[in-house]
């Protein structure tokens, strides 16, 4: 259902006007805010999460994180001498 743009603007303006008259909205400068009485109605009551019977494990203080091993291989010196000659 395509509504002409000027008609849509008129409908929105009238809806805002009606909501301010019913005190659902409060006009603030050039915008509208939800009235405080309406905010209380819209707030959702979230149920509290069930408490786990097991307490979480505590981490000991002063531990040092281990560094991840580096991905690059270290250059090793070539073996020279009698032992290297025997392996060949």
Protein backbone atom coordinates (compact mmCIF):
# COMPACT_ATOMS: atom_id res chain seq x y z
CA UNK A 1 0.00 0.00 0.00
CA UNK A 2 1.82 3.05 -1.27
CA UNK A 3 0.86 6.20 0.62
CA UNK A 4 1.79 9.55 -0.89
CA UNK A 5 4.64 11.18 1.02
CA UNK A 6 2.69 14.32 1.94
CA UNK A 7 -0.17 12.16 3.28
CA UNK A 8 2.27 10.12 5.38
CA UNK A 9 3.78 13.26 6.93
CA UNK A 10 0.28 14.49 7.83
CA UNK A 11 -0.62 11.15 9.46
CA UNK A 12 2.56 11.12 11.53
CA UNK A 13 2.07 14.73 12.63
CA UNK A 14 -1.53 14.02 13.67
CA UNK A 15 -0.52 10.85 15.55
CA UNK A 16 2.16 12.75 17.48
CA UNK A 17 -0.33 15.49 18.30
CA UNK A 18 -2.89 12.96 19.59
CA UNK A 19 -0.28 11.19 21.71
CA UNK A 20 0.82 14.48 23.33
CA UNK A 21 -2.82 15.30 24.09
CA UNK A 22 -3.27 11.88 25.73
CA UNK A 23 -0.03 12.54 27.66
CA UNK A 24 1.73 9.50 26.25
CA UNK A 25 4.42 11.72 24.74
CA UNK A 26 6.09 14.90 25.99
CA UNK A 27 7.26 17.50 23.50
CA UNK A 28 10.86 18.53 24.12
CA UNK A 29 12.15 21.32 21.87
CA UNK A 30 11.69 19.93 18.35
CA UNK A 31 11.29 16.27 19.34
CA UNK A 32 9.15 13.99 21.47
CA UNK A 33 9.95 11.82 24.48
CA UNK A 34 7.96 9.05 26.07
CA UNK A 35 6.14 10.37 29.14
CA UNK A 36 7.43 9.10 32.49
CA UNK A 37 4.04 7.47 33.21
CA UNK A 38 4.35 5.51 29.96
CA UNK A 39 7.98 4.56 30.63
CA UNK A 40 6.92 2.68 33.76
CA UNK A 41 4.40 0.68 31.72
CA UNK A 42 6.88 -0.27 29.01
CA UNK A 43 9.68 -1.47 31.30
CA UNK A 44 10.04 -5.23 31.15
CA UNK A 45 10.39 -7.12 34.38
CA UNK A 46 13.25 -9.53 33.93
CA UNK A 47 13.21 -12.62 36.12
CA UNK A 48 16.30 -13.18 38.22
CA UNK A 49 18.64 -15.88 37.01
CA UNK A 50 18.80 -19.10 39.01
CA UNK A 51 21.79 -19.19 41.34
CA UNK A 52 24.26 -21.99 40.66
CA UNK A 53 24.78 -24.21 43.71
CA UNK A 54 28.49 -24.59 42.93
CA UNK A 55 30.68 -21.52 43.53
CA UNK A 56 32.98 -20.58 40.70
CA UNK A 57 36.62 -21.58 41.02
CA UNK A 58 38.81 -18.73 42.14
CA UNK A 59 42.02 -18.04 40.29
CA UNK A 60 45.08 -17.76 42.53
CA UNK A 61 46.56 -14.29 42.67
CA UNK A 62 49.99 -13.57 41.25
CA UNK A 63 49.96 -16.15 38.48
CA UNK A 64 51.86 -15.31 35.34
CA UNK A 65 50.35 -16.12 31.99
CA UNK A 66 52.51 -18.37 29.85
CA UNK A 67 53.54 -16.99 26.51
CA UNK A 68 52.37 -18.87 23.46
CA UNK A 69 55.18 -20.67 21.66
CA UNK A 70 56.49 -18.72 18.71
CA UNK A 71 55.62 -20.02 15.26
CA UNK A 72 59.00 -19.27 13.70
CA UNK A 73 61.72 -21.89 13.98
CA UNK A 74 64.98 -20.89 15.57
CA UNK A 75 68.08 -21.23 13.42
CA UNK A 76 70.27 -24.07 14.62
CA UNK A 77 74.01 -24.16 14.08
CA UNK A 78 75.33 -26.84 11.72
CA UNK A 79 77.20 -29.64 13.41
CA UNK A 80 80.82 -29.83 12.51
CA UNK A 81 83.57 -32.07 13.68
CA UNK A 82 83.93 -35.77 14.37
CA UNK A 83 80.34 -36.44 15.44
CA UNK A 84 78.86 -34.89 12.28
CA UNK A 85 81.28 -36.87 10.10
CA UNK A 86 80.30 -40.16 11.77
CA UNK A 87 76.57 -39.60 11.16
CA UNK A 88 77.07 -39.25 7.39
